[in-house]
C-alpha atoms as a PDB file:
ATOM      1  CA  MET A   1      15.550  42.461  -6.558  1.00  0.00           C
ATOM      2  CA  ARG A   2      13.859  40.438  -9.315  1.00  0.00           C
ATOM      3  CA  THR A   3      17.172  38.825 -10.227  1.00  0.00           C
ATOM      4  CA  GLY A   4      17.641  37.769  -6.611  1.00  0.00           C
ATOM      5  CA  LEU A   5      14.154  36.255  -6.463  1.00  0.00           C
ATOM      6  CA  ALA A   6      14.666  34.453  -9.756  1.00  0.00           C
ATOM      7  CA  LEU A   7      17.998  33.103  -8.515  1.00  0.00           C
ATOM      8  CA  CYS A   8      16.359  31.901  -5.283  1.00  0.00           C
ATOM      9  CA  ALA A   9      13.609  30.188  -7.271  1.00  0.00           C
ATOM     10  CA  LEU A  10      16.177  28.428  -9.463  1.00  0.00           C
ATOM     11  CA  LEU A  11      18.139  27.340  -6.402  1.00  0.00           C
ATOM     12  CA  VAL A  12      15.036  25.948  -4.682  1.00  0.00           C
ATOM     13  CA  THR A  13      14.085  24.069  -7.868  1.00  0.00           C
ATOM     14  CA  ALA A  14      17.584  22.637  -8.194  1.00  0.00           C
ATOM     15  CA  LEU A  15      17.622  21.494  -4.565  1.00  0.00           C
ATOM     16  CA  THR A  16      14.119  19.975  -4.615  1.00  0.00           C
ATOM     17  CA  PRO A  17      14.367  16.178  -4.681  1.00  0.00           C
ATOM     18  CA  ALA A  18      13.169  14.438  -7.828  1.00  0.00           C
ATOM     19  CA  ARG A  19       9.875  12.568  -7.749  1.00  0.00           C
ATOM     20  CA  GLN A  20      10.255   8.877  -7.065  1.00  0.00           C
ATOM     21  CA  THR A  21       6.881   7.894  -8.440  1.00  0.00           C
ATOM     22  CA  SER A  22       6.417   6.248 -11.814  1.00  0.00           C
ATOM     23  CA  PRO A  23       4.837   8.070 -14.758  1.00  0.00           C
ATOM     24  CA  GLY A  24       1.054   7.861 -14.429  1.00  0.00           C
ATOM     25  CA  ALA A  25       1.203   7.017 -10.727  1.00  0.00           C
ATOM     26  CA  GLY A  26      -1.633   8.270  -8.562  1.00  0.00           C
ATOM     27  CA  PRO A  27      -1.882   9.119  -4.876  1.00  0.00           C
ATOM     28  CA  VAL A  28       0.937   8.059  -2.548  1.00  0.00           C
ATOM     29  CA  ILE A  29      -0.190   6.270   0.596  1.00  0.00           C
ATOM     30  CA  VAL A  30       1.890   6.371   3.766  1.00  0.00           C
ATOM     31  CA  LEU A  31       1.691   3.615   6.363  1.00  0.00           C
ATOM     32  CA  GLU A  32       3.060   4.728   9.742  1.00  0.00           C
ATOM     33  CA  THR A  33       3.942   1.480  11.492  1.00  0.00           C
ATOM     34  CA  VAL A  34       5.561   0.763  14.832  1.00  0.00           C
ATOM     35  CA  LYS A  35       8.738  -0.114  12.880  1.00  0.00           C
ATOM     36  CA  GLY A  36       8.811   2.993  10.641  1.00  0.00           C
ATOM     37  CA  ASN A  37       7.059   4.354   7.565  1.00  0.00           C
ATOM     38  CA  ILE A  38       6.252   2.667   4.270  1.00  0.00           C
ATOM     39  CA  GLU A  39       5.186   4.752   1.257  1.00  0.00           C
ATOM     40  CA  PHE A  40       3.634   3.337  -1.881  1.00  0.00           C
ATOM     41  CA  GLU A  41       2.447   4.839  -5.131  1.00  0.00           C
ATOM     42  CA  THR A  42      -0.860   3.755  -6.628  1.00  0.00           C
ATOM     43  CA  TYR A  43      -1.882   2.922 -10.208  1.00  0.00           C
ATOM     44  CA  PRO A  44      -5.329   4.426 -10.884  1.00  0.00           C
ATOM     45  CA  GLU A  45      -4.931   3.988 -14.661  1.00  0.00           C
ATOM     46  CA  GLU A  46      -4.752   0.192 -14.369  1.00  0.00           C
ATOM     47  CA  ALA A  47      -6.856  -0.310 -11.222  1.00  0.00           C
ATOM     48  CA  PRO A  48      -9.166   2.702 -10.822  1.00  0.00           C
ATOM     49  CA  LYS A  49     -11.815   1.051  -8.638  1.00  0.00           C
ATOM     50  CA  THR A  50      -9.220  -0.650  -6.442  1.00  0.00           C
ATOM     51  CA  VAL A  51      -7.268   2.577  -5.899  1.00  0.00           C
ATOM     52  CA  ALA A  52     -10.493   4.482  -5.193  1.00  0.00           C
ATOM     53  CA  GLN A  53     -11.526   1.842  -2.636  1.00  0.00           C
ATOM     54  CA  ILE A  54      -8.191   1.870  -0.781  1.00  0.00           C
ATOM     55  CA  VAL A  55      -7.785   5.663  -0.873  1.00  0.00           C
ATOM     56  CA  GLY A  56     -11.351   6.020   0.430  1.00  0.00           C
ATOM     57  CA  LEU A  57     -10.691   3.603   3.289  1.00  0.00           C
ATOM     58  CA  VAL A  58      -7.431   5.385   4.150  1.00  0.00           C
ATOM     59  CA  LYS A  59      -9.207   8.759   4.233  1.00  0.00           C
ATOM     60  CA  ARG A  60     -11.846   7.283   6.572  1.00  0.00           C
ATOM     61  CA  ASN A  61      -9.081   6.060   8.942  1.00  0.00           C
ATOM     62  CA  PHE A  62     -10.163   2.447   8.380  1.00  0.00           C
ATOM     63  CA  TYR A  63      -6.612   1.048   8.699  1.00  0.00           C
ATOM     64  CA  ASN A  64      -5.528   3.067  11.738  1.00  0.00           C
ATOM     65  CA  GLY A  65      -4.783   0.796  14.714  1.00  0.00           C
ATOM     66  CA  GLN A  66      -5.016  -2.429  12.765  1.00  0.00           C
ATOM     67  CA  ARG A  67      -2.365  -5.126  13.119  1.00  0.00           C
ATOM     68  CA  PHE A  68      -0.544  -6.928  10.343  1.00  0.00           C
ATOM     69  CA  HIS A  69      -2.044 -10.418  10.278  1.00  0.00           C
ATOM     70  CA  ARG A  70       0.450 -11.932   7.835  1.00  0.00           C
ATOM     71  CA  ALA A  71       4.125 -11.089   7.822  1.00  0.00           C
ATOM     72  CA  GLY A  72       7.577 -12.178   6.737  1.00  0.00           C
ATOM     73  CA  ASP A  73       7.960 -14.491   9.686  1.00  0.00           C
ATOM     74  CA  THR A  74       5.274 -16.807   8.240  1.00  0.00           C
ATOM     75  CA  GLY A  75       7.220 -17.723   5.112  1.00  0.00           C
ATOM     76  CA  PHE A  76       4.713 -16.141   2.693  1.00  0.00           C
ATOM     77  CA  GLY A  77       7.131 -13.441   1.516  1.00  0.00           C
ATOM     78  CA  LEU A  78       4.611 -10.679   2.175  1.00  0.00           C
ATOM     79  CA  ILE A  79       3.001  -8.513   4.822  1.00  0.00           C
ATOM     80  CA  GLN A  80      -0.787  -8.126   4.928  1.00  0.00           C
ATOM     81  CA  ILE A  81      -3.204  -5.695   6.576  1.00  0.00           C
ATOM     82  CA  GLY A  82      -6.883  -4.764   6.272  1.00  0.00           C
ATOM     83  CA  ASP A  83      -8.890  -6.814   8.766  1.00  0.00           C
ATOM     84  CA  PRO A  84     -10.560  -4.549  11.361  1.00  0.00           C
ATOM     85  CA  GLN A  85     -10.786  -7.516  13.762  1.00  0.00           C
ATOM     86  CA  SER A  86      -7.001  -7.335  14.118  1.00  0.00           C
ATOM     87  CA  ARG A  87      -7.391  -4.416  16.526  1.00  0.00           C
ATOM     88  CA  ASN A  88      -8.623  -6.974  19.076  1.00  0.00           C
ATOM     89  CA  MET A  89      -5.953  -9.410  20.297  1.00  0.00           C
ATOM     90  CA  THR A  90      -8.611 -11.790  21.653  1.00  0.00           C
ATOM     91  CA  LEU A  91      -9.790 -12.357  18.046  1.00  0.00           C
ATOM     92  CA  HIS A  92      -6.284 -13.346  16.877  1.00  0.00           C
ATOM     93  CA  GLU A  93      -7.481 -16.707  15.542  1.00  0.00           C
ATOM     94  CA  TRP A  94     -10.023 -14.902  13.330  1.00  0.00           C
ATOM     95  CA  TRP A  95      -7.659 -12.322  11.841  1.00  0.00           C
ATOM     96  CA  GLY A  96      -7.643 -12.268   8.057  1.00  0.00           C
ATOM     97  CA  ARG A  97     -11.325 -13.160   7.664  1.00  0.00           C
ATOM     98  CA  ALA A  98     -13.012  -9.740   7.745  1.00  0.00           C
ATOM     99  CA  GLY A  99     -12.947  -6.525   5.762  1.00  0.00           C
ATOM    100  CA  SER A 100     -14.874  -3.307   5.292  1.00  0.00           C
ATOM    101  CA  GLY A 101     -17.976  -5.180   4.134  1.00  0.00           C
ATOM    102  CA  LYS A 102     -17.950  -3.573   0.679  1.00  0.00           C
ATOM    103  CA  PRO A 103     -16.157  -5.702  -1.955  1.00  0.00           C
ATOM    104  CA  ILE A 104     -14.715  -3.874  -4.958  1.00  0.00           C
ATOM    105  CA  GLY A 105     -16.682  -6.117  -7.341  1.00  0.00           C
ATOM    106  CA  VAL A 106     -14.102  -6.223 -10.142  1.00  0.00           C
ATOM    107  CA  ALA A 107     -10.734  -7.864 -10.644  1.00  0.00           C
ATOM    108  CA  GLU A 108      -8.439  -5.259 -12.212  1.00  0.00           C
ATOM    109  CA  ILE A 109      -5.651  -7.701 -13.005  1.00  0.00           C
ATOM    110  CA  THR A 110      -3.305  -6.496 -15.734  1.00  0.00           C
ATOM    111  CA  LYS A 111      -0.175  -7.868 -17.400  1.00  0.00           C
ATOM    112  CA  LYS A 112       1.449  -4.442 -17.003  1.00  0.00           C
ATOM    113  CA  ARG A 113       1.826  -4.746 -13.207  1.00  0.00           C
ATOM    114  CA  ARG A 114       3.697  -7.750 -11.846  1.00  0.00           C
ATOM    115  CA  HIS A 115       4.191  -9.276  -8.415  1.00  0.00           C
ATOM    116  CA  VAL A 116       7.749  -8.041  -7.969  1.00  0.00           C
ATOM    117  CA  ARG A 117       9.346  -7.253  -4.618  1.00  0.00           C
ATOM    118  CA  GLY A 118       7.536  -4.152  -3.334  1.00  0.00           C
ATOM    119  CA  ALA A 119       4.324  -4.703  -5.330  1.00  0.00           C
ATOM    120  CA  VAL A 120       1.145  -3.822  -3.411  1.00  0.00           C
ATOM    121  CA  ALA A 121      -1.817  -6.061  -4.247  1.00  0.00           C
ATOM    122  CA  MET A 122      -5.324  -6.943  -3.115  1.00  0.00           C
ATOM    123  CA  ALA A 123      -6.022 -10.063  -1.090  1.00  0.00           C
ATOM    124  CA  TYR A 124      -9.383 -11.792  -1.310  1.00  0.00           C
ATOM    125  CA  PRO A 125     -11.174 -14.683   0.363  1.00  0.00           C
ATOM    126  CA  GLY A 126     -11.784 -17.872  -1.576  1.00  0.00           C
ATOM    127  CA  THR A 127     -11.227 -18.066  -5.308  1.00  0.00           C
ATOM    128  CA  ASP A 128     -12.895 -14.937  -6.717  1.00  0.00           C
ATOM    129  CA  PRO A 129     -10.649 -11.854  -7.063  1.00  0.00           C
ATOM    130  CA  ARG A 130     -13.800  -9.715  -7.478  1.00  0.00           C
ATOM    131  CA  SER A 131     -14.458 -10.287  -3.761  1.00  0.00           C
ATOM    132  CA  ALA A 132     -11.404  -8.219  -2.751  1.00  0.00           C
ATOM    133  CA  ASP A 133     -12.435  -5.673  -0.142  1.00  0.00           C
ATOM    134  CA  SER A 134      -9.977  -3.951   2.219  1.00  0.00           C
ATOM    135  CA  GLN A 135      -7.136  -6.409   2.760  1.00  0.00           C
ATOM    136  CA  PHE A 136      -3.963  -5.759   0.802  1.00  0.00           C
ATOM    137  CA  PHE A 137      -0.439  -7.081   0.898  1.00  0.00           C
ATOM    138  CA  ILE A 138       3.071  -5.962   0.072  1.00  0.00           C
ATOM    139  CA  ASN A 139       5.394  -8.514  -1.521  1.00  0.00           C
ATOM    140  CA  THR A 140       8.691  -8.770   0.326  1.00  0.00           C
ATOM    141  CA  LYS A 141       9.935 -11.135  -2.386  1.00  0.00           C
ATOM    142  CA  PRO A 142       8.870 -11.687  -6.012  1.00  0.00           C
ATOM    143  CA  HIS A 143       5.810 -13.880  -6.632  1.00  0.00           C
ATOM    144  CA  PRO A 144       5.468 -14.329 -10.416  1.00  0.00           C
ATOM    145  CA  GLU A 145       3.024 -17.187  -9.785  1.00  0.00           C
ATOM    146  CA  TRP A 146       0.492 -14.573  -8.576  1.00  0.00           C
ATOM    147  CA  ASP A 147       0.633 -12.347 -11.687  1.00  0.00           C
ATOM    148  CA  SER A 148      -2.716 -13.507 -13.072  1.00  0.00           C
ATOM    149  CA  LYS A 149      -4.410 -14.006  -9.689  1.00  0.00           C
ATOM    150  CA  TYR A 150      -4.222 -10.770  -7.653  1.00  0.00           C
ATOM    151  CA  THR A 151      -4.706  -7.107  -8.608  1.00  0.00           C
ATOM    152  CA  VAL A 152      -1.469  -5.127  -8.262  1.00  0.00           C
ATOM    153  CA  PHE A 153      -2.512  -1.545  -7.553  1.00  0.00           C
ATOM    154  CA  GLY A 154       0.713  -0.030  -6.214  1.00  0.00           C
ATOM    155  CA  ARG A 155       4.435  -0.278  -5.497  1.00  0.00           C
ATOM    156  CA  VAL A 156       6.546   0.637  -2.471  1.00  0.00           C
ATOM    157  CA  ILE A 157       8.679   3.699  -3.226  1.00  0.00           C
ATOM    158  CA  LYS A 158      10.097   4.194   0.260  1.00  0.00           C
ATOM    159  CA  GLY A 159      10.422   2.001   3.337  1.00  0.00           C
ATOM    160  CA  MET A 160      10.900  -1.457   1.858  1.00  0.00           C
ATOM    161  CA  ASP A 161      13.406  -2.073   4.671  1.00  0.00           C
ATOM    162  CA  VAL A 162      10.571  -1.325   7.120  1.00  0.00           C
ATOM    163  CA  ALA A 163       8.206  -3.737   5.336  1.00  0.00           C
ATOM    164  CA  GLU A 164      10.770  -6.505   5.745  1.00  0.00           C
ATOM    165  CA  LYS A 165      10.916  -5.900   9.515  1.00  0.00           C
ATOM    166  CA  ILE A 166       7.134  -6.153  10.030  1.00  0.00           C
ATOM    167  CA  ARG A 167       5.928  -9.156  12.028  1.00  0.00           C
ATOM    168  CA  ILE A 168       2.471 -10.515  12.855  1.00  0.00           C
ATOM    169  CA  SER A 169       0.709  -8.284  15.415  1.00  0.00           C
ATOM    170  CA  ASP A 170       2.797  -5.181  14.581  1.00  0.00           C
ATOM    171  CA  ILE A 171       0.512  -2.160  14.596  1.00  0.00           C
ATOM    172  CA  LEU A 172      -0.267   0.195  11.733  1.00  0.00           C
ATOM    173  CA  LYS A 173      -0.529   3.385  13.745  1.00  0.00           C
ATOM    174  CA  LYS A 174      -1.843   5.566  10.944  1.00  0.00           C
ATOM    175  CA  ALA A 175      -2.391   5.454   7.177  1.00  0.00           C
ATOM    176  CA  TYR A 176      -2.818   8.600   5.127  1.00  0.00           C
ATOM    177  CA  VAL A 177      -2.678   9.937   1.582  1.00  0.00           C
ATOM    178  CA  LYS A 178       0.465  12.011   1.139  1.00  0.00           C
ATOM    179  CA  GLU A 179       0.017  15.473  -0.262  1.00  0.00           C
ATOM    180  CA  GLY A 180       2.551  16.831  -2.746  1.00  0.00           C
ATOM    181  CA  PRO A 181       5.355  15.057  -4.619  1.00  0.00           C
ATOM    182  CA  ALA A 182       7.115  11.961  -3.300  1.00  0.00           C
ATOM    183  CA  THR A 183      10.495  12.430  -1.692  1.00  0.00           C
ATOM    184  CA  PRO A 184      13.542  10.178  -1.735  1.00  0.00           C
END
């Protein structure tokens, strides 16, 4: 009986998909969009306050129902979310100007994390990266010119094809922190 259980345990371990996250990666955030799901790992070692801010907002359902206010069809090479005004179509002209009202207060920019395709980074109004609040973006193409300007706090590990399909006004149905290991 014990041999059978041990064999089953070995078989389950062998069939369990390998983790896709990087060493030292933190919580995985899932964005359920109207076009499919996007999953990204976070980097709490390099950007602890930024990760804490975003994870906290996700857990409070802050992003649920928001619309992407920047997307691939604008030529920026990114998709962006995080303005609660985007839930209201009549405020379309004002999208991208609001946040949670609680800036992070630090710029956790590091040379270790670059603006490669799939990088997840904080947006901010004006010229001060310490004013980043709730808006973040996912690079759909590399942006090395942004390496010293915006905090990279994550990377897409699944659903980059979905990110590339996102357009302005597409809805983020639900964001949540994924429990357990990442899956391929």
